[in-house]
Each structure stands twice: as C-alpha cells, then as structure tokens.
Amino acid sequence: MKRLVAAIALATLTSTAAPAQDSAPDDPSGEEGFSLMERGARQLLEGLGDEMAPMLRDLEGLASEMGPALRDFALQMGPALSDMMEQVGEWSNYHAPEMLPNGDIIIRRRTEDEGVPPIEDMPQGEEIEI
C-alpha cells in the first residue's frame, strides 16, 4: 500500500512539474502542455494497473474458490432464514441480545407493557459482542 501511495505521489509531482518546465513560450494553443498532462495521467494509470494486477489476480482466485461454497450456503440457508424471519416478525419486539455467564446468547421478547422504547431512550454507541 505504501508503494501505491508513493507511486501516486511521484506521478502527481512528475505530471504537474513537467508542463511548467517544458512548456514553450511560443505555443499559445497549450497543446504541448495538454499532451504532457495526458502522458503523465496515462503513466499514472499504467503504474496503478501494474501495482494492482497481482492483488486483482489473487482476488479473482479467491472468488473462484469461494463462489461455489457461498452459492451452496445461500441455497441451504435461504429457506431456513426465511422461516426464521416469519417466526420472528418484527425485530423491534425483542430486546438486544445478551450473553449469559455460561456463554449462551439469549434474545428476550418484549412484554406487552414494555412496548418499543422511543429512539431517544435507546442507548447510542453500544456494541454487542457476538
């Protein structure tokens, strides 16, 4: 990642400094400066492509390995998750999950008199450790 940032910084400095040094005073159209900027941008993108190519190949390999497993998981768990959603109904009818001292995780149903707490009464920023 540090190499990537260094390559971007170097290409940016190179592309911005080159037109100022190489621009000809007798070229009022500015075409020479544009071509230098264009070349600098092209070199930057080529450098990024060269840096990212191995990571993209690794990611492609990981995706090809994980694809069938994720597809099987979705096929097996999809119906079970749908059944669970039908049983649970509205998630606001339940308290936040709690972990008991023995490691069990429970989710208590709210009673009729509790109802759903107003949003301003809900604790903010608390994390639930799963």
N, C-alpha and C. Protein backbone atom coordinates (compact mmCIF):
# COMPACT_ATOMS: atom_id res chain seq x y z
N MET A 1 0.82 -1.18 0.00
CA MET A 1 0.00 0.00 0.00
C MET A 1 0.87 1.26 0.00
N LYS A 2 2.01 1.19 0.74
CA LYS A 2 2.90 2.34 0.77
C LYS A 2 3.48 2.61 -0.61
N ARG A 3 3.75 1.52 -1.35
CA ARG A 3 4.29 1.71 -2.70
C ARG A 3 3.26 2.38 -3.59
N LEU A 4 2.01 2.02 -3.41
CA LEU A 4 0.94 2.60 -4.21
C LEU A 4 0.83 4.09 -3.95
N VAL A 5 0.87 4.49 -2.69
CA VAL A 5 0.80 5.91 -2.34
C VAL A 5 2.02 6.64 -2.89
N ALA A 6 3.19 6.02 -2.78
CA ALA A 6 4.41 6.65 -3.30
C ALA A 6 4.34 6.80 -4.81
N ALA A 7 3.79 5.80 -5.50
CA ALA A 7 3.67 5.88 -6.96
C ALA A 7 2.72 6.99 -7.37
N ILE A 8 1.62 7.14 -6.65
CA ILE A 8 0.67 8.21 -6.96
C ILE A 8 1.30 9.57 -6.73
N ALA A 9 1.99 9.71 -5.59
CA ALA A 9 2.63 11.00 -5.28
C ALA A 9 3.69 11.34 -6.31
N LEU A 10 4.50 10.37 -6.68
CA LEU A 10 5.55 10.60 -7.66
C LEU A 10 4.96 10.97 -9.02
N ALA A 11 3.94 10.25 -9.44
CA ALA A 11 3.32 10.55 -10.73
C ALA A 11 2.65 11.92 -10.72
N THR A 12 2.05 12.27 -9.60
CA THR A 12 1.42 13.59 -9.50
C THR A 12 2.45 14.69 -9.57
N LEU A 13 3.54 14.54 -8.82
CA LEU A 13 4.58 15.56 -8.85
C LEU A 13 5.23 15.65 -10.23
N THR A 14 5.43 14.51 -10.85
CA THR A 14 6.05 14.49 -12.17
C THR A 14 5.14 15.13 -13.20
N SER A 15 3.85 14.81 -13.14
CA SER A 15 2.93 15.32 -14.16
C SER A 15 2.65 16.81 -13.97
N THR A 16 2.69 17.31 -12.72
CA THR A 16 2.42 18.73 -12.53
C THR A 16 3.67 19.58 -12.78
N ALA A 17 4.85 19.04 -12.52
CA ALA A 17 6.07 19.82 -12.70
C ALA A 17 6.52 19.85 -14.16
N ALA A 18 6.23 18.82 -14.91
CA ALA A 18 6.72 18.73 -16.28
C ALA A 18 6.17 19.83 -17.20
N PRO A 19 4.89 20.14 -17.19
CA PRO A 19 4.41 21.18 -18.09
C PRO A 19 5.03 22.55 -17.79
N ALA A 20 5.28 22.86 -16.53
CA ALA A 20 5.85 24.15 -16.19
C ALA A 20 7.28 24.27 -16.69
N GLN A 21 8.03 23.19 -16.71
CA GLN A 21 9.41 23.25 -17.13
C GLN A 21 9.56 23.13 -18.64
N ASP A 22 8.69 22.33 -19.27
CA ASP A 22 8.86 22.04 -20.69
C ASP A 22 7.97 22.87 -21.61
N SER A 23 7.09 23.69 -21.05
CA SER A 23 6.17 24.44 -21.93
C SER A 23 6.94 25.49 -22.73
N ALA A 24 6.61 25.56 -23.98
CA ALA A 24 7.28 26.51 -24.87
C ALA A 24 6.52 27.83 -24.85
N PRO A 25 7.22 28.98 -24.72
CA PRO A 25 6.54 30.27 -24.69
C PRO A 25 5.89 30.62 -26.03
N ASP A 26 6.35 30.02 -27.14
CA ASP A 26 5.79 30.36 -28.44
C ASP A 26 4.61 29.46 -28.83
N ASP A 27 4.10 28.65 -27.88
CA ASP A 27 2.96 27.76 -28.16
C ASP A 27 1.72 28.32 -27.46
N PRO A 28 0.99 29.24 -28.11
CA PRO A 28 -0.17 29.86 -27.46
C PRO A 28 -1.35 28.91 -27.31
N SER A 29 -1.40 27.81 -28.08
CA SER A 29 -2.57 26.92 -28.02
C SER A 29 -2.56 26.06 -26.76
N GLY A 30 -1.40 25.82 -26.17
CA GLY A 30 -1.30 24.99 -24.98
C GLY A 30 -1.37 23.51 -25.27
N GLU A 31 -1.27 23.10 -26.53
CA GLU A 31 -1.38 21.69 -26.88
C GLU A 31 -0.22 20.89 -26.31
N GLU A 32 0.98 21.47 -26.24
CA GLU A 32 2.12 20.75 -25.70
C GLU A 32 1.90 20.42 -24.23
N GLY A 33 1.38 21.37 -23.46
CA GLY A 33 1.10 21.13 -22.05
C GLY A 33 0.05 20.06 -21.87
N PHE A 34 -0.96 20.06 -22.70
CA PHE A 34 -2.02 19.06 -22.60
C PHE A 34 -1.47 17.67 -22.89
N SER A 35 -0.60 17.56 -23.88
CA SER A 35 -0.06 16.24 -24.20
C SER A 35 0.83 15.73 -23.08
N LEU A 36 1.55 16.64 -22.40
CA LEU A 36 2.36 16.22 -21.27
C LEU A 36 1.47 15.75 -20.11
N MET A 37 0.41 16.48 -19.87
CA MET A 37 -0.53 16.07 -18.82
C MET A 37 -1.18 14.73 -19.18
N GLU A 38 -1.51 14.59 -20.44
CA GLU A 38 -2.12 13.36 -20.89
C GLU A 38 -1.17 12.17 -20.70
N ARG A 39 0.10 12.38 -21.07
CA ARG A 39 1.10 11.32 -20.89
C ARG A 39 1.31 11.00 -19.42
N GLY A 40 1.34 12.04 -18.58
CA GLY A 40 1.51 11.82 -17.14
C GLY A 40 0.35 11.03 -16.55
N ALA A 41 -0.87 11.38 -16.96
CA ALA A 41 -2.04 10.64 -16.48
C ALA A 41 -2.00 9.20 -16.95
N ARG A 42 -1.60 9.01 -18.20
CA ARG A 42 -1.51 7.65 -18.75
C ARG A 42 -0.46 6.84 -17.97
N GLN A 43 0.68 7.45 -17.67
CA GLN A 43 1.72 6.75 -16.92
C GLN A 43 1.24 6.41 -15.50
N LEU A 44 0.51 7.34 -14.90
CA LEU A 44 -0.04 7.10 -13.57
C LEU A 44 -0.98 5.90 -13.58
N LEU A 45 -1.89 5.87 -14.54
CA LEU A 45 -2.84 4.76 -14.62
C LEU A 45 -2.14 3.45 -14.95
N GLU A 46 -1.14 3.48 -15.79
CA GLU A 46 -0.38 2.26 -16.09
C GLU A 46 0.34 1.76 -14.84
N GLY A 47 0.93 2.68 -14.08
CA GLY A 47 1.61 2.30 -12.84
C GLY A 47 0.64 1.70 -11.83
N LEU A 48 -0.53 2.32 -11.71
CA LEU A 48 -1.54 1.77 -10.80
C LEU A 48 -1.97 0.38 -11.25
N GLY A 49 -2.14 0.22 -12.55
CA GLY A 49 -2.53 -1.09 -13.08
C GLY A 49 -1.47 -2.14 -12.80
N ASP A 50 -0.20 -1.77 -12.96
CA ASP A 50 0.88 -2.71 -12.69
C ASP A 50 0.93 -3.09 -11.20
N GLU A 51 0.68 -2.10 -10.33
CA GLU A 51 0.71 -2.36 -8.89
C GLU A 51 -0.48 -3.21 -8.45
N MET A 52 -1.64 -2.99 -9.06
CA MET A 52 -2.86 -3.66 -8.64
C MET A 52 -3.05 -5.03 -9.28
N ALA A 53 -2.37 -5.33 -10.35
CA ALA A 53 -2.59 -6.58 -11.09
C ALA A 53 -2.41 -7.83 -10.22
N PRO A 54 -1.33 -7.96 -9.44
CA PRO A 54 -1.21 -9.17 -8.61
C PRO A 54 -2.32 -9.31 -7.58
N MET A 55 -2.73 -8.19 -6.99
CA MET A 55 -3.80 -8.25 -5.99
C MET A 55 -5.12 -8.65 -6.65
N LEU A 56 -5.37 -8.14 -7.83
CA LEU A 56 -6.61 -8.49 -8.53
C LEU A 56 -6.62 -9.96 -8.94
N ARG A 57 -5.46 -10.48 -9.34
CA ARG A 57 -5.38 -11.91 -9.67
C ARG A 57 -5.66 -12.77 -8.43
N ASP A 58 -5.10 -12.36 -7.28
CA ASP A 58 -5.35 -13.10 -6.04
C ASP A 58 -6.83 -13.04 -5.67
N LEU A 59 -7.43 -11.87 -5.83
CA LEU A 59 -8.85 -11.71 -5.51
C LEU A 59 -9.71 -12.55 -6.44
N GLU A 60 -9.33 -12.62 -7.71
CA GLU A 60 -10.07 -13.44 -8.66
C GLU A 60 -9.98 -14.91 -8.28
N GLY A 61 -8.79 -15.36 -7.87
CA GLY A 61 -8.62 -16.74 -7.44
C GLY A 61 -9.44 -17.05 -6.20
N LEU A 62 -9.46 -16.12 -5.26
CA LEU A 62 -10.25 -16.30 -4.04
C LEU A 62 -11.74 -16.37 -4.37
N ALA A 63 -12.18 -15.52 -5.27
CA ALA A 63 -13.60 -15.51 -5.66
C ALA A 63 -13.97 -16.82 -6.34
N SER A 64 -13.09 -17.35 -7.18
CA SER A 64 -13.40 -18.62 -7.85
C SER A 64 -13.43 -19.79 -6.86
N GLU A 65 -12.62 -19.71 -5.80
CA GLU A 65 -12.63 -20.75 -4.77
C GLU A 65 -13.86 -20.64 -3.88
N MET A 66 -14.22 -19.41 -3.52
CA MET A 66 -15.31 -19.19 -2.57
C MET A 66 -16.68 -19.22 -3.22
N GLY A 67 -16.75 -18.99 -4.51
CA GLY A 67 -18.04 -18.91 -5.20
C GLY A 67 -18.95 -20.10 -4.98
N PRO A 68 -18.49 -21.32 -5.24
CA PRO A 68 -19.36 -22.48 -5.05
C PRO A 68 -19.80 -22.66 -3.59
N ALA A 69 -18.90 -22.40 -2.65
CA ALA A 69 -19.25 -22.54 -1.23
C ALA A 69 -20.32 -21.53 -0.83
N LEU A 70 -20.18 -20.28 -1.29
CA LEU A 70 -21.18 -19.27 -0.97
C LEU A 70 -22.53 -19.58 -1.62
N ARG A 71 -22.49 -20.12 -2.83
CA ARG A 71 -23.72 -20.48 -3.52
C ARG A 71 -24.44 -21.60 -2.76
N ASP A 72 -23.68 -22.63 -2.32
CA ASP A 72 -24.26 -23.72 -1.53
C ASP A 72 -24.83 -23.21 -0.21
N PHE A 73 -24.10 -22.29 0.44
CA PHE A 73 -24.57 -21.71 1.70
C PHE A 73 -25.90 -20.99 1.49
N ALA A 74 -25.99 -20.19 0.44
CA ALA A 74 -27.23 -19.46 0.17
C ALA A 74 -28.38 -20.41 -0.13
N LEU A 75 -28.11 -21.49 -0.87
CA LEU A 75 -29.16 -22.45 -1.20
C LEU A 75 -29.66 -23.18 0.05
N GLN A 76 -28.74 -23.52 0.95
CA GLN A 76 -29.12 -24.26 2.16
C GLN A 76 -29.73 -23.35 3.23
N MET A 77 -29.15 -22.17 3.40
CA MET A 77 -29.59 -21.30 4.49
C MET A 77 -30.73 -20.37 4.10
N GLY A 78 -30.94 -20.16 2.82
CA GLY A 78 -32.02 -19.26 2.39
C GLY A 78 -33.37 -19.65 2.94
N PRO A 79 -33.81 -20.88 2.76
CA PRO A 79 -35.11 -21.27 3.31
C PRO A 79 -35.16 -21.18 4.84
N ALA A 80 -34.06 -21.57 5.52
CA ALA A 80 -34.03 -21.50 6.97
C ALA A 80 -34.14 -20.05 7.46
N LEU A 81 -33.46 -19.14 6.80
CA LEU A 81 -33.54 -17.72 7.18
C LEU A 81 -34.93 -17.16 6.92
N SER A 82 -35.56 -17.58 5.84
CA SER A 82 -36.93 -17.13 5.56
C SER A 82 -37.89 -17.62 6.63
N ASP A 83 -37.75 -18.87 7.05
CA ASP A 83 -38.60 -19.41 8.12
C ASP A 83 -38.38 -18.64 9.42
N MET A 84 -37.13 -18.34 9.74
CA MET A 84 -36.83 -17.60 10.95
C MET A 84 -37.45 -16.21 10.91
N MET A 85 -37.36 -15.54 9.75
CA MET A 85 -37.94 -14.20 9.63
C MET A 85 -39.45 -14.23 9.82
N GLU A 86 -40.11 -15.29 9.33
CA GLU A 86 -41.56 -15.42 9.52
C GLU A 86 -41.89 -15.62 11.00
N GLN A 87 -41.07 -16.38 11.71
CA GLN A 87 -41.33 -16.63 13.13
C GLN A 87 -41.06 -15.40 13.98
N VAL A 88 -40.00 -14.67 13.65
CA VAL A 88 -39.62 -13.51 14.45
C VAL A 88 -40.59 -12.36 14.22
N GLY A 89 -40.96 -12.12 13.00
CA GLY A 89 -41.83 -10.99 12.70
C GLY A 89 -41.05 -9.69 12.74
N GLU A 90 -41.41 -8.82 13.67
CA GLU A 90 -40.77 -7.50 13.78
C GLU A 90 -39.65 -7.56 14.82
N TRP A 91 -38.44 -7.17 14.43
CA TRP A 91 -37.29 -7.24 15.34
C TRP A 91 -37.41 -6.27 16.50
N SER A 92 -38.21 -5.24 16.37
CA SER A 92 -38.35 -4.28 17.48
C SER A 92 -39.13 -4.88 18.64
N ASN A 93 -39.72 -6.07 18.48
CA ASN A 93 -40.43 -6.74 19.57
C ASN A 93 -39.47 -7.46 20.51
N TYR A 94 -38.16 -7.36 20.27
CA TYR A 94 -37.18 -8.09 21.06
C TYR A 94 -36.16 -7.14 21.67
N HIS A 95 -35.62 -7.55 22.83
CA HIS A 95 -34.52 -6.82 23.45
C HIS A 95 -33.23 -7.13 22.71
N ALA A 96 -32.18 -6.38 23.01
CA ALA A 96 -30.86 -6.65 22.42
C ALA A 96 -30.35 -7.99 22.94
N PRO A 97 -29.55 -8.69 22.17
CA PRO A 97 -29.02 -9.98 22.63
C PRO A 97 -28.18 -9.82 23.89
N GLU A 98 -28.24 -10.82 24.76
CA GLU A 98 -27.45 -10.84 25.99
C GLU A 98 -26.65 -12.13 26.03
N MET A 99 -25.43 -12.04 26.57
CA MET A 99 -24.63 -13.24 26.74
C MET A 99 -24.64 -13.61 28.22
N LEU A 100 -25.04 -14.83 28.50
CA LEU A 100 -25.07 -15.32 29.86
C LEU A 100 -23.67 -15.74 30.29
N PRO A 101 -23.43 -15.88 31.61
CA PRO A 101 -22.10 -16.27 32.09
C PRO A 101 -21.62 -17.60 31.52
N ASN A 102 -22.55 -18.50 31.17
CA ASN A 102 -22.14 -19.79 30.63
C ASN A 102 -21.86 -19.73 29.12
N GLY A 103 -22.02 -18.55 28.52
CA GLY A 103 -21.71 -18.38 27.10
C GLY A 103 -22.92 -18.43 26.19
N ASP A 104 -24.08 -18.79 26.72
CA ASP A 104 -25.29 -18.81 25.90
C ASP A 104 -25.70 -17.38 25.54
N ILE A 105 -26.25 -17.23 24.35
CA ILE A 105 -26.75 -15.94 23.91
C ILE A 105 -28.26 -16.03 23.85
N ILE A 106 -28.94 -15.10 24.53
CA ILE A 106 -30.39 -15.10 24.52
C ILE A 106 -30.90 -13.78 23.98
N ILE A 107 -32.06 -13.84 23.38
CA ILE A 107 -32.73 -12.64 22.90
C ILE A 107 -34.13 -12.68 23.50
N ARG A 108 -34.39 -11.79 24.45
CA ARG A 108 -35.67 -11.79 25.16
C ARG A 108 -36.73 -11.03 24.37
N ARG A 109 -37.95 -11.57 24.39
CA ARG A 109 -39.08 -10.90 23.75
C ARG A 109 -39.59 -9.82 24.69
N ARG A 110 -39.94 -8.69 24.15
CA ARG A 110 -40.52 -7.61 24.96
C ARG A 110 -41.93 -8.00 25.38
N THR A 111 -42.30 -7.58 26.58
CA THR A 111 -43.65 -7.85 27.04
C THR A 111 -44.58 -6.79 26.47
N GLU A 112 -45.87 -7.04 26.58
CA GLU A 112 -46.87 -6.11 26.03
C GLU A 112 -46.76 -4.72 26.67
N ASP A 113 -46.54 -4.66 27.99
CA ASP A 113 -46.49 -3.36 28.66
C ASP A 113 -45.19 -2.61 28.40
N GLU A 114 -44.12 -3.31 27.99
CA GLU A 114 -42.85 -2.63 27.68
C GLU A 114 -42.96 -1.85 26.38
N GLY A 115 -43.49 -2.49 25.37
CA GLY A 115 -43.58 -1.84 24.06
C GLY A 115 -42.20 -1.56 23.50
N VAL A 116 -42.14 -0.77 22.49
CA VAL A 116 -40.88 -0.39 21.85
C VAL A 116 -40.43 0.93 22.45
N PRO A 117 -39.21 0.99 22.98
CA PRO A 117 -38.75 2.25 23.58
C PRO A 117 -38.56 3.32 22.50
N PRO A 118 -38.82 4.58 22.86
CA PRO A 118 -38.57 5.65 21.88
C PRO A 118 -37.10 5.70 21.50
N ILE A 119 -36.83 6.18 20.32
CA ILE A 119 -35.46 6.19 19.81
C ILE A 119 -34.53 6.98 20.73
N GLU A 120 -35.00 8.09 21.30
CA GLU A 120 -34.12 8.90 22.14
C GLU A 120 -33.76 8.18 23.44
N ASP A 121 -34.54 7.18 23.87
CA ASP A 121 -34.22 6.42 25.08
C ASP A 121 -33.28 5.26 24.82
N MET A 122 -33.08 4.92 23.57
CA MET A 122 -32.21 3.80 23.24
C MET A 122 -30.76 4.20 23.44
N PRO A 123 -29.95 3.30 24.00
CA PRO A 123 -28.53 3.63 24.19
C PRO A 123 -27.84 3.76 22.84
N GLN A 124 -26.97 4.74 22.72
CA GLN A 124 -26.25 5.00 21.47
C GLN A 124 -24.81 4.57 21.63
N GLY A 125 -24.28 3.99 20.57
CA GLY A 125 -22.85 3.68 20.52
C GLY A 125 -22.45 2.41 21.25
N GLU A 126 -23.42 1.68 21.80
CA GLU A 126 -23.06 0.44 22.46
C GLU A 126 -22.83 -0.64 21.43
N GLU A 127 -21.84 -1.45 21.68
CA GLU A 127 -21.54 -2.55 20.77
C GLU A 127 -22.04 -3.85 21.39
N ILE A 128 -22.54 -4.72 20.55
CA ILE A 128 -22.96 -6.02 21.01
C ILE A 128 -21.88 -7.00 20.62
N GLU A 129 -21.31 -7.64 21.60
CA GLU A 129 -20.22 -8.59 21.33
C GLU A 129 -20.84 -9.94 21.00
N ILE A 130 -20.53 -10.44 19.83
CA ILE A 130 -21.11 -11.71 19.40
C ILE A 130 -20.05 -12.79 19.43
